[in-house]
Amino acid sequence: MAAGNAPSAVSTHEDARTRLHSPDLQSLMRSLRATLTDLDFAHAQELSRLETKRMDARLRGHIIETLRKRHHEHREPYVRELARLQTRMKAALAAA
């Protein structure tokens, strides 16, 4: 490649930013965040409904702990995927 045709560091960096911030990637991250928000909202509603029911305190505590564990298990794949995407973006930007 001739020296005059070599991409500049600025354009290479801009290309990396464009790839990393493409509409598809932004859409995926937005979707993952929306799913996490939905899961959090549903969990809060379950806890709120539980508080209105009359029951033994130990049973309530057991149910709350079960709900928290289930909530964490449901969220975890989405949290991992978001972290993976963020790590990928940071690495690509550092390399650009």
PDB file of N, CA and C in Angstrom:
ATOM      1  N   MET A   1       0.866  -1.170   0.000  1.00  0.00           N
ATOM      2  CA  MET A   1       0.000   0.000   0.000  1.00  0.00           C
ATOM      3  C   MET A   1       0.904   1.223   0.000  1.00  0.00           C
ATOM      4  N   ALA A   2       0.603   2.181  -0.821  1.00  0.00           N
ATOM      5  CA  ALA A   2       1.386   3.410  -0.893  1.00  0.00           C
ATOM      6  C   ALA A   2       1.169   4.224   0.364  1.00  0.00           C
ATOM      7  N   ALA A   3       2.201   4.984   0.735  1.00  0.00           N
ATOM      8  CA  ALA A   3       2.125   5.769   1.974  1.00  0.00           C
ATOM      9  C   ALA A   3       0.956   6.738   1.960  1.00  0.00           C
ATOM     10  N   GLY A   4       0.617   7.291   0.811  1.00  0.00           N
ATOM     11  CA  GLY A   4      -0.492   8.230   0.725  1.00  0.00           C
ATOM     12  C   GLY A   4      -1.845   7.578   0.908  1.00  0.00           C
ATOM     13  N   ASN A   5      -1.905   6.257   0.777  1.00  0.00           N
ATOM     14  CA  ASN A   5      -3.184   5.544   0.906  1.00  0.00           C
ATOM     15  C   ASN A   5      -3.368   4.889   2.268  1.00  0.00           C
ATOM     16  N   ALA A   6      -2.378   4.987   3.138  1.00  0.00           N
ATOM     17  CA  ALA A   6      -2.482   4.368   4.460  1.00  0.00           C
ATOM     18  C   ALA A   6      -3.517   5.116   5.280  1.00  0.00           C
ATOM     19  N   PRO A   7      -4.350   4.374   6.025  1.00  0.00           N
ATOM     20  CA  PRO A   7      -5.354   5.052   6.860  1.00  0.00           C
ATOM     21  C   PRO A   7      -4.666   5.785   7.997  1.00  0.00           C
ATOM     22  N   SER A   8      -5.201   6.926   8.321  1.00  0.00           N
ATOM     23  CA  SER A   8      -4.643   7.696   9.438  1.00  0.00           C
ATOM     24  C   SER A   8      -5.093   7.086  10.753  1.00  0.00           C
ATOM     25  N   ALA A   9      -4.365   7.411  11.811  1.00  0.00           N
ATOM     26  CA  ALA A   9      -4.738   6.922  13.137  1.00  0.00           C
ATOM     27  C   ALA A   9      -6.113   7.422  13.516  1.00  0.00           C
ATOM     28  N   VAL A  10      -6.436   8.642  13.108  1.00  0.00           N
ATOM     29  CA  VAL A  10      -7.742   9.213  13.434  1.00  0.00           C
ATOM     30  C   VAL A  10      -8.845   8.428  12.742  1.00  0.00           C
ATOM     31  N   SER A  11      -8.684   8.158  11.438  1.00  0.00           N
ATOM     32  CA  SER A  11      -9.751   7.447  10.735  1.00  0.00           C
ATOM     33  C   SER A  11      -9.874   6.015  11.235  1.00  0.00           C
ATOM     34  N   THR A  12      -8.757   5.373  11.607  1.00  0.00           N
ATOM     35  CA  THR A  12      -8.817   4.023  12.161  1.00  0.00           C
ATOM     36  C   THR A  12      -9.572   4.042  13.481  1.00  0.00           C
ATOM     37  N   HIS A  13      -9.293   5.023  14.314  1.00  0.00           N
ATOM     38  CA  HIS A  13      -9.994   5.159  15.595  1.00  0.00           C
ATOM     39  C   HIS A  13     -11.480   5.405  15.354  1.00  0.00           C
ATOM     40  N   GLU A  14     -11.794   6.263  14.385  1.00  0.00           N
ATOM     41  CA  GLU A  14     -13.197   6.539  14.078  1.00  0.00           C
ATOM     42  C   GLU A  14     -13.890   5.295  13.540  1.00  0.00           C
ATOM     43  N   ASP A  15     -13.178   4.496  12.723  1.00  0.00           N
ATOM     44  CA  ASP A  15     -13.760   3.248  12.215  1.00  0.00           C
ATOM     45  C   ASP A  15     -14.074   2.301  13.369  1.00  0.00           C
ATOM     46  N   ALA A  16     -13.157   2.191  14.321  1.00  0.00           N
ATOM     47  CA  ALA A  16     -13.383   1.316  15.475  1.00  0.00           C
ATOM     48  C   ALA A  16     -14.570   1.804  16.288  1.00  0.00           C
ATOM     49  N   ARG A  17     -14.652   3.110  16.497  1.00  0.00           N
ATOM     50  CA  ARG A  17     -15.784   3.673  17.250  1.00  0.00           C
ATOM     51  C   ARG A  17     -17.088   3.421  16.506  1.00  0.00           C
ATOM     52  N   THR A  18     -17.078   3.554  15.188  1.00  0.00           N
ATOM     53  CA  THR A  18     -18.288   3.323  14.402  1.00  0.00           C
ATOM     54  C   THR A  18     -18.740   1.872  14.544  1.00  0.00           C
ATOM     55  N   ARG A  19     -17.779   0.941  14.450  1.00  0.00           N
ATOM     56  CA  ARG A  19     -18.132  -0.475  14.586  1.00  0.00           C
ATOM     57  C   ARG A  19     -18.669  -0.766  15.984  1.00  0.00           C
ATOM     58  N   LEU A  20     -18.040  -0.188  16.994  1.00  0.00           N
ATOM     59  CA  LEU A  20     -18.431  -0.469  18.370  1.00  0.00           C
ATOM     60  C   LEU A  20     -19.746   0.188  18.745  1.00  0.00           C
ATOM     61  N   HIS A  21     -20.042   1.286  18.118  1.00  0.00           N
ATOM     62  CA  HIS A  21     -21.263   2.006  18.454  1.00  0.00           C
ATOM     63  C   HIS A  21     -22.278   1.910  17.326  1.00  0.00           C
ATOM     64  N   SER A  22     -22.223   0.810  16.617  1.00  0.00           N
ATOM     65  CA  SER A  22     -23.163   0.622  15.524  1.00  0.00           C
ATOM     66  C   SER A  22     -24.575   0.513  16.091  1.00  0.00           C
ATOM     67  N   PRO A  23     -25.568   0.802  15.265  1.00  0.00           N
ATOM     68  CA  PRO A  23     -26.955   0.698  15.742  1.00  0.00           C
ATOM     69  C   PRO A  23     -27.296  -0.700  16.273  1.00  0.00           C
ATOM     70  N   ASP A  24     -26.712  -1.740  15.668  1.00  0.00           N
ATOM     71  CA  ASP A  24     -27.009  -3.098  16.134  1.00  0.00           C
ATOM     72  C   ASP A  24     -26.492  -3.325  17.550  1.00  0.00           C
ATOM     73  N   LEU A  25     -25.269  -2.891  17.822  1.00  0.00           N
ATOM     74  CA  LEU A  25     -24.699  -3.067  19.149  1.00  0.00           C
ATOM     75  C   LEU A  25     -25.445  -2.217  20.167  1.00  0.00           C
ATOM     76  N   GLN A  26     -25.747  -0.993  19.805  1.00  0.00           N
ATOM     77  CA  GLN A  26     -26.503  -0.124  20.707  1.00  0.00           C
ATOM     78  C   GLN A  26     -27.877  -0.708  20.981  1.00  0.00           C
ATOM     79  N   SER A  27     -28.494  -1.240  19.948  1.00  0.00           N
ATOM     80  CA  SER A  27     -29.818  -1.841  20.102  1.00  0.00           C
ATOM     81  C   SER A  27     -29.756  -3.059  21.024  1.00  0.00           C
ATOM     82  N   LEU A  28     -28.728  -3.885  20.850  1.00  0.00           N
ATOM     83  CA  LEU A  28     -28.572  -5.063  21.705  1.00  0.00           C
ATOM     84  C   LEU A  28     -28.378  -4.662  23.157  1.00  0.00           C
ATOM     85  N   MET A  29     -27.511  -3.685  23.400  1.00  0.00           N
ATOM     86  CA  MET A  29     -27.273  -3.261  24.778  1.00  0.00           C
ATOM     87  C   MET A  29     -28.521  -2.629  25.384  1.00  0.00           C
ATOM     88  N   ARG A  30     -29.241  -1.859  24.601  1.00  0.00           N
ATOM     89  CA  ARG A  30     -30.489  -1.249  25.077  1.00  0.00           C
ATOM     90  C   ARG A  30     -31.507  -2.343  25.425  1.00  0.00           C
ATOM     91  N   SER A  31     -31.572  -3.365  24.585  1.00  0.00           N
ATOM     92  CA  SER A  31     -32.501  -4.470  24.827  1.00  0.00           C
ATOM     93  C   SER A  31     -32.136  -5.228  26.106  1.00  0.00           C
ATOM     94  N   LEU A  32     -30.850  -5.474  26.305  1.00  0.00           N
ATOM     95  CA  LEU A  32     -30.411  -6.168  27.519  1.00  0.00           C
ATOM     96  C   LEU A  32     -30.739  -5.343  28.761  1.00  0.00           C
ATOM     97  N   ARG A  33     -30.504  -4.038  28.685  1.00  0.00           N
ATOM     98  CA  ARG A  33     -30.835  -3.168  29.834  1.00  0.00           C
ATOM     99  C   ARG A  33     -32.333  -3.141  30.098  1.00  0.00           C
ATOM    100  N   ALA A  34     -33.131  -3.124  29.044  1.00  0.00           N
ATOM    101  CA  ALA A  34     -34.591  -3.124  29.205  1.00  0.00           C
ATOM    102  C   ALA A  34     -35.059  -4.429  29.845  1.00  0.00           C
ATOM    103  N   THR A  35     -34.453  -5.528  29.431  1.00  0.00           N
ATOM    104  CA  THR A  35     -34.808  -6.820  30.029  1.00  0.00           C
ATOM    105  C   THR A  35     -34.471  -6.831  31.515  1.00  0.00           C
ATOM    106  N   LEU A  36     -33.302  -6.309  31.873  1.00  0.00           N
ATOM    107  CA  LEU A  36     -32.932  -6.233  33.292  1.00  0.00           C
ATOM    108  C   LEU A  36     -33.906  -5.356  34.069  1.00  0.00           C
ATOM    109  N   THR A  37     -34.313  -4.254  33.477  1.00  0.00           N
ATOM    110  CA  THR A  37     -35.285  -3.364  34.129  1.00  0.00           C
ATOM    111  C   THR A  37     -36.604  -4.100  34.339  1.00  0.00           C
ATOM    112  N   ASP A  38     -37.053  -4.831  33.334  1.00  0.00           N
ATOM    113  CA  ASP A  38     -38.303  -5.601  33.455  1.00  0.00           C
ATOM    114  C   ASP A  38     -38.194  -6.647  34.562  1.00  0.00           C
ATOM    115  N   LEU A  39     -37.072  -7.348  34.606  1.00  0.00           N
ATOM    116  CA  LEU A  39     -36.874  -8.356  35.658  1.00  0.00           C
ATOM    117  C   LEU A  39     -36.867  -7.721  37.043  1.00  0.00           C
ATOM    118  N   ASP A  40     -36.201  -6.583  37.164  1.00  0.00           N
ATOM    119  CA  ASP A  40     -36.157  -5.887  38.456  1.00  0.00           C
ATOM    120  C   ASP A  40     -37.542  -5.411  38.886  1.00  0.00           C
ATOM    121  N   PHE A  41     -38.309  -4.900  37.928  1.00  0.00           N
ATOM    122  CA  PHE A  41     -39.654  -4.423  38.235  1.00  0.00           C
ATOM    123  C   PHE A  41     -40.554  -5.578  38.683  1.00  0.00           C
ATOM    124  N   ALA A  42     -40.496  -6.691  37.961  1.00  0.00           N
ATOM    125  CA  ALA A  42     -41.312  -7.854  38.326  1.00  0.00           C
ATOM    126  C   ALA A  42     -40.918  -8.356  39.717  1.00  0.00           C
ATOM    127  N   HIS A  43     -39.629  -8.361  40.014  1.00  0.00           N
ATOM    128  CA  HIS A  43     -39.160  -8.797  41.335  1.00  0.00           C
ATOM    129  C   HIS A  43     -39.685  -7.865  42.429  1.00  0.00           C
ATOM    130  N   ALA A  44     -39.616  -6.575  42.196  1.00  0.00           N
ATOM    131  CA  ALA A  44     -40.119  -5.610  43.180  1.00  0.00           C
ATOM    132  C   ALA A  44     -41.619  -5.794  43.411  1.00  0.00           C
ATOM    133  N   GLN A  45     -42.350  -6.075  42.333  1.00  0.00           N
ATOM    134  CA  GLN A  45     -43.797  -6.312  42.486  1.00  0.00           C
ATOM    135  C   GLN A  45     -44.062  -7.560  43.315  1.00  0.00           C
ATOM    136  N   GLU A  46     -43.289  -8.621  43.077  1.00  0.00           N
ATOM    137  CA  GLU A  46     -43.463  -9.850  43.859  1.00  0.00           C
ATOM    138  C   GLU A  46     -43.204  -9.588  45.341  1.00  0.00           C
ATOM    139  N   LEU A  47     -42.149  -8.860  45.630  1.00  0.00           N
ATOM    140  CA  LEU A  47     -41.845  -8.544  47.027  1.00  0.00           C
ATOM    141  C   LEU A  47     -42.938  -7.680  47.647  1.00  0.00           C
ATOM    142  N   SER A  48     -43.461  -6.743  46.880  1.00  0.00           N
ATOM    143  CA  SER A  48     -44.525  -5.870  47.369  1.00  0.00           C
ATOM    144  C   SER A  48     -45.786  -6.678  47.672  1.00  0.00           C
ATOM    145  N   ARG A  49     -46.150  -7.584  46.786  1.00  0.00           N
ATOM    146  CA  ARG A  49     -47.327  -8.430  47.018  1.00  0.00           C
ATOM    147  C   ARG A  49     -47.132  -9.305  48.247  1.00  0.00           C
ATOM    148  N   LEU A  50     -45.924  -9.791  48.419  1.00  0.00           N
ATOM    149  CA  LEU A  50     -45.625 -10.652  49.560  1.00  0.00           C
ATOM    150  C   LEU A  50     -45.816  -9.899  50.878  1.00  0.00           C
ATOM    151  N   GLU A  51     -45.448  -8.622  50.891  1.00  0.00           N
ATOM    152  CA  GLU A  51     -45.572  -7.838  52.112  1.00  0.00           C
ATOM    153  C   GLU A  51     -47.021  -7.622  52.536  1.00  0.00           C
ATOM    154  N   THR A  52     -47.960  -7.721  51.607  1.00  0.00           N
ATOM    155  CA  THR A  52     -49.367  -7.505  51.950  1.00  0.00           C
ATOM    156  C   THR A  52     -50.025  -8.767  52.498  1.00  0.00           C
ATOM    157  N   LYS A  53     -49.357  -9.894  52.375  1.00  0.00           N
ATOM    158  CA  LYS A  53     -49.928 -11.163  52.847  1.00  0.00           C
ATOM    159  C   LYS A  53     -49.563 -11.407  54.305  1.00  0.00           C
ATOM    160  N   ARG A  54     -50.515 -11.952  55.018  1.00  0.00           N
ATOM    161  CA  ARG A  54     -50.272 -12.314  56.410  1.00  0.00           C
ATOM    162  C   ARG A  54     -49.702 -13.718  56.446  1.00  0.00           C
ATOM    163  N   MET A  55     -48.548 -13.844  57.107  1.00  0.00           N
ATOM    164  CA  MET A  55     -47.930 -15.164  57.249  1.00  0.00           C
ATOM    165  C   MET A  55     -46.855 -15.124  58.320  1.00  0.00           C
ATOM    166  N   ASP A  56     -46.408 -16.287  58.678  1.00  0.00           N
ATOM    167  CA  ASP A  56     -45.343 -16.440  59.659  1.00  0.00           C
ATOM    168  C   ASP A  56     -44.078 -15.728  59.165  1.00  0.00           C
ATOM    169  N   ALA A  57     -43.394 -15.060  60.064  1.00  0.00           N
ATOM    170  CA  ALA A  57     -42.198 -14.285  59.700  1.00  0.00           C
ATOM    171  C   ALA A  57     -41.103 -15.174  59.119  1.00  0.00           C
ATOM    172  N   ARG A  58     -40.937 -16.391  59.677  1.00  0.00           N
ATOM    173  CA  ARG A  58     -39.911 -17.299  59.139  1.00  0.00           C
ATOM    174  C   ARG A  58     -40.255 -17.740  57.726  1.00  0.00           C
ATOM    175  N   LEU A  59     -41.524 -18.018  57.485  1.00  0.00           N
ATOM    176  CA  LEU A  59     -41.956 -18.409  56.146  1.00  0.00           C
ATOM    177  C   LEU A  59     -41.742 -17.252  55.167  1.00  0.00           C
ATOM    178  N   ARG A  60     -42.110 -16.051  55.606  1.00  0.00           N
ATOM    179  CA  ARG A  60     -41.917 -14.868  54.759  1.00  0.00           C
ATOM    180  C   ARG A  60     -40.428 -14.708  54.414  1.00  0.00           C
ATOM    181  N   GLY A  61     -39.575 -14.853  55.403  1.00  0.00           N
ATOM    182  CA  GLY A  61     -38.130 -14.742  55.176  1.00  0.00           C
ATOM    183  C   GLY A  61     -37.627 -15.785  54.198  1.00  0.00           C
ATOM    184  N   HIS A  62     -38.132 -16.996  54.327  1.00  0.00           N
ATOM    185  CA  HIS A  62     -37.739 -18.070  53.407  1.00  0.00           C
ATOM    186  C   HIS A  62     -38.200 -17.752  51.984  1.00  0.00           C
ATOM    187  N   ILE A  63     -39.414 -17.289  51.847  1.00  0.00           N
ATOM    188  CA  ILE A  63     -39.943 -16.950  50.520  1.00  0.00           C
ATOM    189  C   ILE A  63     -39.151 -15.797  49.910  1.00  0.00           C
ATOM    190  N   ILE A  64     -38.851 -14.789  50.719  1.00  0.00           N
ATOM    191  CA  ILE A  64     -38.073 -13.648  50.214  1.00  0.00           C
ATOM    192  C   ILE A  64     -36.703 -14.116  49.736  1.00  0.00           C
ATOM    193  N   GLU A  65     -36.049 -14.960  50.499  1.00  0.00           N
ATOM    194  CA  GLU A  65     -34.738 -15.469  50.096  1.00  0.00           C
ATOM    195  C   GLU A  65     -34.835 -16.278  48.796  1.00  0.00           C
ATOM    196  N   THR A  66     -35.871 -17.081  48.672  1.00  0.00           N
ATOM    197  CA  THR A  66     -36.081 -17.858  47.441  1.00  0.00           C
ATOM    198  C   THR A  66     -36.308 -16.930  46.255  1.00  0.00           C
ATOM    199  N   LEU A  67     -37.113 -15.879  46.445  1.00  0.00           N
ATOM    200  CA  LEU A  67     -37.359 -14.907  45.373  1.00  0.00           C
ATOM    201  C   LEU A  67     -36.072 -14.185  44.974  1.00  0.00           C
ATOM    202  N   ARG A  68     -35.256 -13.823  45.948  1.00  0.00           N
ATOM    203  CA  ARG A  68     -33.992 -13.130  45.652  1.00  0.00           C
ATOM    204  C   ARG A  68     -33.038 -14.025  44.862  1.00  0.00           C
ATOM    205  N   LYS A  69     -32.948 -15.285  45.260  1.00  0.00           N
ATOM    206  CA  LYS A  69     -32.084 -16.218  44.536  1.00  0.00           C
ATOM    207  C   LYS A  69     -32.574 -16.396  43.098  1.00  0.00           C
ATOM    208  N   ARG A  70     -33.867 -16.577  42.944  1.00  0.00           N
ATOM    209  CA  ARG A  70     -34.438 -16.751  41.607  1.00  0.00           C
ATOM    210  C   ARG A  70     -34.212 -15.498  40.760  1.00  0.00           C
ATOM    211  N   HIS A  71     -34.390 -14.334  41.370  1.00  0.00           N
ATOM    212  CA  HIS A  71     -34.180 -13.073  40.660  1.00  0.00           C
ATOM    213  C   HIS A  71     -32.721 -12.972  40.178  1.00  0.00           C
ATOM    214  N   HIS A  72     -31.800 -13.296  41.051  1.00  0.00           N
ATOM    215  CA  HIS A  72     -30.379 -13.259  40.688  1.00  0.00           C
ATOM    216  C   HIS A  72     -30.089 -14.232  39.542  1.00  0.00           C
ATOM    217  N   GLU A  73     -30.632 -15.425  39.614  1.00  0.00           N
ATOM    218  CA  GLU A  73     -30.415 -16.424  38.556  1.00  0.00           C
ATOM    219  C   GLU A  73     -30.981 -15.954  37.217  1.00  0.00           C
ATOM    220  N   HIS A  74     -32.123 -15.299  37.242  1.00  0.00           N
ATOM    221  CA  HIS A  74     -32.731 -14.801  36.001  1.00  0.00           C
ATOM    222  C   HIS A  74     -31.930 -13.638  35.410  1.00  0.00           C
ATOM    223  N   ARG A  75     -31.384 -12.779  36.258  1.00  0.00           N
ATOM    224  CA  ARG A  75     -30.632 -11.596  35.800  1.00  0.00           C
ATOM    225  C   ARG A  75     -29.233 -11.938  35.291  1.00  0.00           C
ATOM    226  N   GLU A  76     -28.620 -12.926  35.902  1.00  0.00           N
ATOM    227  CA  GLU A  76     -27.200 -13.197  35.679  1.00  0.00           C
ATOM    228  C   GLU A  76     -26.792 -13.331  34.204  1.00  0.00           C
ATOM    229  N   PRO A  77     -27.503 -14.060  33.367  1.00  0.00           N
ATOM    230  CA  PRO A  77     -27.063 -14.164  31.964  1.00  0.00           C
ATOM    231  C   PRO A  77     -27.053 -12.805  31.248  1.00  0.00           C
ATOM    232  N   TYR A  78     -27.991 -11.950  31.568  1.00  0.00           N
ATOM    233  CA  TYR A  78     -28.061 -10.623  30.940  1.00  0.00           C
ATOM    234  C   TYR A  78     -26.931  -9.726  31.441  1.00  0.00           C
ATOM    235  N   VAL A  79     -26.639  -9.816  32.730  1.00  0.00           N
ATOM    236  CA  VAL A  79     -25.548  -9.032  33.307  1.00  0.00           C
ATOM    237  C   VAL A  79     -24.215  -9.472  32.702  1.00  0.00           C
ATOM    238  N   ARG A  80     -24.016 -10.786  32.569  1.00  0.00           N
ATOM    239  CA  ARG A  80     -22.779 -11.306  31.966  1.00  0.00           C
ATOM    240  C   ARG A  80     -22.631 -10.842  30.523  1.00  0.00           C
ATOM    241  N   GLU A  81     -23.709 -10.884  29.765  1.00  0.00           N
ATOM    242  CA  GLU A  81     -23.645 -10.469  28.360  1.00  0.00           C
ATOM    243  C   GLU A  81     -23.331  -8.977  28.242  1.00  0.00           C
ATOM    244  N   LEU A  82     -23.945  -8.159  29.068  1.00  0.00           N
ATOM    245  CA  LEU A  82     -23.627  -6.727  29.065  1.00  0.00           C
ATOM    246  C   LEU A  82     -22.158  -6.490  29.412  1.00  0.00           C
ATOM    247  N   ALA A  83     -21.667  -7.187  30.402  1.00  0.00           N
ATOM    248  CA  ALA A  83     -20.260  -7.039  30.797  1.00  0.00           C
ATOM    249  C   ALA A  83     -19.341  -7.477  29.659  1.00  0.00           C
ATOM    250  N   ARG A  84     -19.700  -8.552  28.985  1.00  0.00           N
ATOM    251  CA  ARG A  84     -18.895  -9.040  27.864  1.00  0.00           C
ATOM    252  C   ARG A  84     -18.835  -8.001  26.750  1.00  0.00           C
ATOM    253  N   LEU A  85     -19.968  -7.417  26.428  1.00  0.00           N
ATOM    254  CA  LEU A  85     -20.014  -6.398  25.381  1.00  0.00           C
ATOM    255  C   LEU A  85     -19.211  -5.157  25.770  1.00  0.00           C
ATOM    256  N   GLN A  86     -19.322  -4.749  27.023  1.00  0.00           N
ATOM    257  CA  GLN A  86     -18.577  -3.582  27.492  1.00  0.00           C
ATOM    258  C   GLN A  86     -17.074  -3.842  27.464  1.00  0.00           C
ATOM    259  N   THR A  87     -16.658  -5.035  27.847  1.00  0.00           N
ATOM    260  CA  THR A  87     -15.243  -5.397  27.801  1.00  0.00           C
ATOM    261  C   THR A  87     -14.740  -5.388  26.364  1.00  0.00           C
ATOM    262  N   ARG A  88     -15.537  -5.928  25.479  1.00  0.00           N
ATOM    263  CA  ARG A  88     -15.174  -5.947  24.058  1.00  0.00           C
ATOM    264  C   ARG A  88     -15.031  -4.536  23.500  1.00  0.00           C
ATOM    265  N   MET A  89     -15.946  -3.659  23.890  1.00  0.00           N
ATOM    266  CA  MET A  89     -15.878  -2.272  23.424  1.00  0.00           C
ATOM    267  C   MET A  89     -14.618  -1.584  23.936  1.00  0.00           C
ATOM    268  N   LYS A  90     -14.303  -1.761  25.220  1.00  0.00           N
ATOM    269  CA  LYS A  90     -13.121  -1.126  25.806  1.00  0.00           C
ATOM    270  C   LYS A  90     -11.849  -1.633  25.134  1.00  0.00           C
ATOM    271  N   ALA A  91     -11.774  -2.929  24.894  1.00  0.00           N
ATOM    272  CA  ALA A  91     -10.580  -3.505  24.274  1.00  0.00           C
ATOM    273  C   ALA A  91     -10.412  -2.985  22.856  1.00  0.00           C
ATOM    274  N   ALA A  92     -11.491  -2.885  22.118  1.00  0.00           N
ATOM    275  CA  ALA A  92     -11.411  -2.394  20.743  1.00  0.00           C
ATOM    276  C   ALA A  92     -11.023  -0.931  20.713  1.00  0.00           C
ATOM    277  N   LEU A  93     -11.543  -0.141  21.644  1.00  0.00           N
ATOM    278  CA  LEU A  93     -11.186   1.277  21.690  1.00  0.00           C
ATOM    279  C   LEU A  93      -9.719   1.462  22.080  1.00  0.00           C
ATOM    280  N   ALA A  94      -9.235   0.636  22.995  1.00  0.00           N
ATOM    281  CA  ALA A  94      -7.833   0.727  23.412  1.00  0.00           C
ATOM    282  C   ALA A  94      -6.894   0.346  22.271  1.00  0.00           C
ATOM    283  N   ALA A  95      -7.332  -0.580  21.433  1.00  0.00           N
ATOM    284  CA  ALA A  95      -6.504  -1.031  20.313  1.00  0.00           C
ATOM    285  C   ALA A  95      -6.558  -0.050  19.144  1.00  0.00           C
ATOM    286  N   ALA A  96      -7.592   0.764  19.114  1.00  0.00           N
ATOM    287  CA  ALA A  96      -7.770   1.686  17.963  1.00  0.00           C
ATOM    288  C   ALA A  96      -6.846   2.866  18.023  1.00  0.00           C
TER     289      ALA A  96
END
